N, C-alpha and C. Protein backbone atom coordinates (compact mmCIF):
# COMPACT_ATOMS: atom_id res chain seq x y z
N UNK A 1 -30.48 6.11 13.40
CA UNK A 1 -29.75 5.32 11.74
C UNK A 1 -29.13 3.60 12.87
N UNK A 2 -29.71 3.07 12.12
CA UNK A 2 -29.22 1.69 12.57
C UNK A 2 -27.74 1.88 12.28
N UNK A 3 -27.97 0.09 12.53
CA UNK A 3 -26.60 -0.45 12.77
C UNK A 3 -25.87 -0.73 11.05
N UNK A 4 -26.49 -0.94 10.49
CA UNK A 4 -26.39 -2.10 9.16
C UNK A 4 -25.97 -0.48 8.39
N UNK A 5 -26.11 0.89 8.23
CA UNK A 5 -26.11 1.46 8.06
C UNK A 5 -25.25 2.11 7.67
N UNK A 6 -25.09 2.07 9.49
CA UNK A 6 -22.91 3.09 9.71
C UNK A 6 -22.07 1.53 9.70
N UNK A 7 -22.69 0.48 9.04
CA UNK A 7 -21.04 -0.89 9.12
C UNK A 7 -21.15 -0.20 7.81
N UNK A 8 -22.18 0.21 7.22
CA UNK A 8 -21.68 0.04 5.12
C UNK A 8 -21.55 1.31 5.02
N UNK A 9 -21.55 2.31 6.39
CA UNK A 9 -20.94 3.59 5.51
C UNK A 9 -19.27 3.82 5.68
N UNK A 10 -19.02 3.02 7.22
CA UNK A 10 -17.20 2.87 7.58
C UNK A 10 -16.80 1.50 6.20
N UNK A 11 -17.42 1.44 6.06
CA UNK A 11 -16.85 -0.33 4.92
C UNK A 11 -16.61 0.94 3.70
N UNK A 12 -17.72 1.65 3.05
CA UNK A 12 -17.25 2.25 1.62
C UNK A 12 -16.17 3.09 2.56
N UNK A 13 -16.12 3.83 3.07
CA UNK A 13 -15.55 4.99 3.33
C UNK A 13 -13.76 4.10 3.53
N UNK A 14 -13.55 2.97 3.93
CA UNK A 14 -12.69 2.42 3.87
C UNK A 14 -12.62 1.82 2.60
N UNK A 15 -13.21 1.41 1.73
CA UNK A 15 -13.15 1.58 0.45
C UNK A 15 -12.34 2.49 -0.51
N UNK A 16 -12.77 3.42 -0.54
CA UNK A 16 -12.55 5.07 -0.41
C UNK A 16 -10.83 4.91 -0.40
N UNK A 17 -10.84 4.94 0.56
CA UNK A 17 -9.64 5.51 0.91
C UNK A 17 -8.19 4.30 0.70
N UNK A 18 -8.89 2.90 0.21
CA UNK A 18 -7.89 2.05 -0.62
C UNK A 18 -7.51 2.76 -1.66
N UNK A 19 -8.76 3.47 -2.49
CA UNK A 19 -8.83 3.62 -3.49
C UNK A 19 -7.62 5.10 -3.91
N UNK A 20 -7.90 5.76 -3.35
CA UNK A 20 -7.31 6.55 -2.58
C UNK A 20 -5.92 6.79 -3.17
N UNK A 21 -5.53 5.42 -2.12
CA UNK A 21 -4.39 4.99 -1.70
C UNK A 21 -3.64 5.27 -3.13
N UNK A 22 -4.10 4.84 -3.48
CA UNK A 22 -3.81 3.52 -4.85
C UNK A 22 -3.86 4.64 -6.10
N UNK A 23 -4.64 6.12 -6.27
CA UNK A 23 -5.19 7.11 -7.31
C UNK A 23 -3.73 7.21 -7.58
N UNK A 24 -2.62 7.60 -6.75
CA UNK A 24 -1.16 8.30 -7.25
C UNK A 24 -0.44 7.50 -7.91
N UNK A 25 0.08 8.06 -9.38
CA UNK A 25 0.58 7.08 -9.74
C UNK A 25 1.60 6.19 -8.95
N UNK A 26 2.86 7.33 -8.54
CA UNK A 26 3.44 7.32 -7.72
C UNK A 26 3.42 5.68 -6.78
N UNK A 27 2.37 5.81 -6.18
CA UNK A 27 2.34 5.31 -5.04
C UNK A 27 1.79 4.17 -5.54
N UNK A 28 1.07 3.83 -6.56
CA UNK A 28 0.95 2.74 -7.39
C UNK A 28 2.38 1.75 -7.73
N UNK A 29 3.21 2.47 -8.51
CA UNK A 29 4.60 1.96 -8.97
C UNK A 29 4.81 0.95 -7.41
N UNK A 30 4.99 2.11 -6.47
CA UNK A 30 5.26 1.75 -4.57
C UNK A 30 5.29 0.10 -4.82
N UNK A 31 3.54 0.16 -4.66
CA UNK A 31 2.78 -0.68 -4.37
C UNK A 31 2.70 -2.10 -5.01
N UNK A 32 3.10 -1.78 -6.36
CA UNK A 32 3.17 -2.73 -7.83
C UNK A 32 4.30 -3.42 -7.56
N UNK A 33 6.08 -2.49 -7.21
CA UNK A 33 7.12 -3.21 -6.94
C UNK A 33 7.29 -3.80 -5.89
N UNK A 34 6.52 -3.18 -4.57
CA UNK A 34 6.05 -4.00 -2.92
C UNK A 34 5.87 -5.85 -3.79
N UNK A 35 5.06 -5.56 -4.11
CA UNK A 35 3.80 -6.93 -4.95
C UNK A 35 4.84 -7.90 -5.13
N UNK A 36 5.56 -6.79 -5.91
CA UNK A 36 6.42 -7.88 -7.14
C UNK A 36 7.50 -8.03 -6.54
N UNK A 37 8.32 -7.91 -5.21
CA UNK A 37 9.38 -8.23 -4.56
C UNK A 37 8.86 -8.97 -3.14
N UNK A 38 7.77 -8.94 -2.68
CA UNK A 38 7.44 -9.13 -1.54
C UNK A 38 8.46 -8.01 -0.39
N UNK A 39 9.61 -7.85 -0.19
CA UNK A 39 9.72 -7.28 1.06
C UNK A 39 10.76 -6.00 0.56
N UNK A 40 10.99 -4.53 0.66
CA UNK A 40 11.87 -3.71 0.32
C UNK A 40 12.00 -3.08 1.20
N UNK A 41 13.34 -2.27 1.39
CA UNK A 41 13.72 -1.27 2.44
C UNK A 41 13.88 0.23 1.58
N UNK A 42 14.26 0.98 1.86
CA UNK A 42 13.45 2.28 1.68
C UNK A 42 14.64 2.72 0.67
N UNK A 43 15.64 2.69 0.77
CA UNK A 43 16.40 2.86 -0.02
C UNK A 43 16.52 2.00 -1.58
N UNK A 44 15.98 1.17 -1.93
CA UNK A 44 15.78 0.17 -2.96
C UNK A 44 15.02 0.38 -3.38
N UNK A 45 13.61 0.76 -2.75
CA UNK A 45 12.37 1.41 -3.79
C UNK A 45 13.03 2.51 -4.23
N UNK A 46 13.72 3.55 -3.35
CA UNK A 46 14.38 5.25 -4.14
C UNK A 46 14.92 4.32 -5.14
N UNK A 47 15.33 3.82 -5.21
CA UNK A 47 16.34 3.02 -6.23
C UNK A 47 15.75 2.56 -7.34
N UNK A 48 14.48 1.47 -7.22
CA UNK A 48 14.06 0.81 -8.52
C UNK A 48 12.92 2.53 -9.01
N UNK A 49 12.19 3.09 -8.41
CA UNK A 49 11.24 4.04 -8.31
C UNK A 49 12.01 5.45 -8.93
N UNK A 50 12.85 5.86 -8.60
CA UNK A 50 13.64 6.75 -9.20
C UNK A 50 13.38 8.45 -8.44
N UNK A 51 13.01 8.41 -7.58
CA UNK A 51 12.64 9.30 -6.66
C UNK A 51 13.27 9.92 -5.28
N UNK A 52 13.07 11.02 -4.93
CA UNK A 52 14.13 11.40 -3.73
C UNK A 52 13.51 10.57 -2.21
N UNK A 53 14.73 9.96 -1.68
CA UNK A 53 14.66 9.57 -0.36
C UNK A 53 13.71 9.81 0.46
N UNK A 54 13.51 11.37 0.19
CA UNK A 54 12.22 11.38 1.33
C UNK A 54 10.41 11.32 0.98
N UNK A 55 10.76 11.55 -0.89
CA UNK A 55 9.71 11.09 -1.72
C UNK A 55 9.07 9.95 -0.97
N UNK A 56 10.31 9.36 -1.43
CA UNK A 56 9.92 7.26 -1.02
C UNK A 56 9.06 7.24 0.41
N UNK A 57 9.88 7.92 1.08
CA UNK A 57 9.63 7.88 3.10
C UNK A 57 7.87 7.89 2.66
N UNK A 58 7.30 9.19 2.36
CA UNK A 58 6.22 9.74 2.31
C UNK A 58 5.25 8.78 1.69
N UNK A 59 5.15 8.70 0.53
CA UNK A 59 4.53 7.57 0.06
C UNK A 59 4.26 6.38 0.47
N UNK A 60 5.82 6.08 1.15
CA UNK A 60 5.88 4.69 1.97
C UNK A 60 4.64 4.88 3.32
N UNK A 61 4.58 5.83 3.46
CA UNK A 61 4.22 6.16 4.99
C UNK A 61 2.55 5.90 5.15
N UNK A 62 2.73 6.89 3.96
CA UNK A 62 0.98 7.11 2.94
C UNK A 62 0.42 5.54 2.81
N UNK A 63 0.72 4.86 1.93
CA UNK A 63 0.39 3.41 2.14
C UNK A 63 0.39 2.52 3.12
N UNK A 64 1.48 2.68 4.42
CA UNK A 64 1.90 1.99 5.72
C UNK A 64 0.20 2.87 6.34
N UNK A 65 -0.16 4.17 6.07
CA UNK A 65 -1.46 4.79 7.15
C UNK A 65 -2.71 4.35 6.61
N UNK A 66 -2.99 3.53 5.21
CA UNK A 66 -3.76 3.36 4.46
C UNK A 66 -4.07 1.72 5.06
N UNK A 67 -3.12 1.39 5.65
CA UNK A 67 -2.84 -0.06 5.75
C UNK A 67 -2.88 -1.66 4.99
N UNK A 68 -2.12 -0.64 3.34
CA UNK A 68 -1.63 -1.67 2.68
C UNK A 68 -0.14 -2.29 2.90
N UNK A 69 0.50 -1.45 3.67
CA UNK A 69 2.14 -1.66 3.99
C UNK A 69 2.59 -2.11 5.25
N UNK A 70 3.12 -2.43 5.61
CA UNK A 70 3.94 -3.02 7.11
C UNK A 70 4.81 -2.86 6.85
N UNK A 71 6.40 -2.69 7.64
CA UNK A 71 6.56 -2.49 8.02
C UNK A 71 7.97 -3.22 9.20
N UNK A 72 9.12 -3.31 9.13
CA UNK A 72 9.82 -3.92 9.71
C UNK A 72 11.12 -3.20 10.29
N UNK A 73 11.54 -3.00 11.41
CA UNK A 73 13.60 -1.78 11.99
C UNK A 73 13.73 -2.91 12.28
N UNK A 74 15.55 -2.49 11.44
CA UNK A 74 16.39 -3.57 12.03
C UNK A 74 17.55 -2.27 11.66
N UNK A 75 17.90 -2.01 13.45
CA UNK A 75 18.52 -1.44 13.46
C UNK A 75 18.50 0.72 12.68
N UNK A 76 18.91 1.05 11.75
CA UNK A 76 18.39 1.71 10.75
C UNK A 76 17.35 1.56 9.57
N UNK A 77 17.92 0.20 9.07
CA UNK A 77 17.20 -0.28 7.71
C UNK A 77 15.55 -0.48 8.11
N UNK A 78 15.15 0.10 7.78
CA UNK A 78 13.05 -0.04 7.40
C UNK A 78 13.20 -0.40 5.87
N UNK A 79 12.40 -1.76 6.27
CA UNK A 79 11.87 -2.45 4.80
C UNK A 79 10.48 -2.46 5.36
N UNK A 80 9.88 -2.44 3.92
CA UNK A 80 8.69 -2.62 4.05
C UNK A 80 8.04 -3.79 3.63
N UNK A 81 6.34 -4.45 3.42
CA UNK A 81 5.90 -5.47 2.40
C UNK A 81 4.95 -4.83 2.74
N UNK A 82 3.41 -5.52 1.49
CA UNK A 82 2.54 -5.73 1.89
C UNK A 82 2.03 -6.46 2.05
N UNK A 83 0.57 -5.41 3.67
CA UNK A 83 -0.02 -5.93 4.41
C UNK A 83 -1.42 -7.33 3.75
N UNK A 84 -0.77 -8.53 4.35
CA UNK A 84 -1.45 -9.81 3.85
C UNK A 84 -2.40 -10.21 4.50
N UNK A 85 -2.48 -8.98 6.59
CA UNK A 85 -3.22 -9.45 6.51
C UNK A 85 -5.03 -8.76 6.94
N UNK A 86 -4.66 -7.86 5.94
CA UNK A 86 -5.07 -6.71 5.61
C UNK A 86 -6.67 -7.12 4.94
N UNK A 87 -7.62 -7.90 5.14
CA UNK A 87 -8.64 -8.41 3.75
C UNK A 87 -8.71 -8.09 2.61
N UNK A 88 -8.93 -6.67 3.23
CA UNK A 88 -9.76 -5.28 1.92
C UNK A 88 -8.08 -4.69 1.37
N UNK A 89 -7.15 -5.00 1.86
CA UNK A 89 -5.83 -5.21 0.93
C UNK A 89 -5.48 -5.78 0.04
N UNK A 90 -5.81 -7.17 0.73
CA UNK A 90 -5.65 -8.67 -0.14
C UNK A 90 -6.11 -9.09 -1.27
N UNK A 91 -7.23 -8.46 -1.16
CA UNK A 91 -8.26 -8.09 -2.76
C UNK A 91 -7.72 -7.58 -3.42
N UNK A 92 -7.70 -5.89 -2.79
CA UNK A 92 -7.31 -5.29 -4.15
C UNK A 92 -5.99 -5.76 -4.56
N UNK A 93 -5.24 -6.15 -3.60
CA UNK A 93 -4.27 -7.10 -3.81
C UNK A 93 -4.14 -8.09 -5.57
N UNK A 94 -5.14 -8.58 -5.29
CA UNK A 94 -5.78 -9.80 -6.21
C UNK A 94 -6.01 -9.00 -7.14
N UNK A 95 -6.11 -7.88 -7.15
CA UNK A 95 -7.44 -7.40 -8.46
C UNK A 95 -6.14 -5.92 -9.57
N UNK A 96 -5.35 -5.76 -8.48
CA UNK A 96 -3.91 -5.87 -9.03
C UNK A 96 -3.32 -6.47 -9.93
N UNK A 97 -2.68 -7.21 -9.44
CA UNK A 97 -2.38 -8.77 -9.66
C UNK A 97 -2.78 -9.19 -11.79
N UNK A 98 -4.57 -9.22 -11.83
CA UNK A 98 -4.90 -9.65 -12.52
C UNK A 98 -4.92 -8.50 -12.98
N UNK A 99 -4.95 -7.23 -12.89
CA UNK A 99 -4.91 -6.54 -14.52
C UNK A 99 -3.54 -6.02 -14.46
N UNK A 100 -2.68 -6.23 -14.17
CA UNK A 100 -1.04 -6.30 -14.60
C UNK A 100 -0.76 -7.76 -15.32
N UNK A 101 -2.00 -8.60 -15.24
CA UNK A 101 -0.92 -9.76 -15.84
C UNK A 101 -1.50 -8.93 -17.30
N UNK A 102 -3.06 -9.00 -17.35
CA UNK A 102 -3.34 -8.12 -18.58
C UNK A 102 -4.20 -9.54 -19.06
């Protein structure tokens, strides 16, 4: 197997993971909310989305594992924000902005 084929397969896998991450409507809502507000703590996301705190935490952890968001901690407060340093995520964010503008 050539290096080009291996690199392409990894890229395809990364792309599939990004779309999988946003294939769930709740995660998409969370991601759109974070893109709009730029940074929110778990309790704020819970309030805005209207799901349980544990459900919110689970969705945020999944988005973080896909590299779409990052977090910062201050004491017991954990806040999340879009991972603008991930080039694949940034392109996806641009697509979301464009699609939501209509």
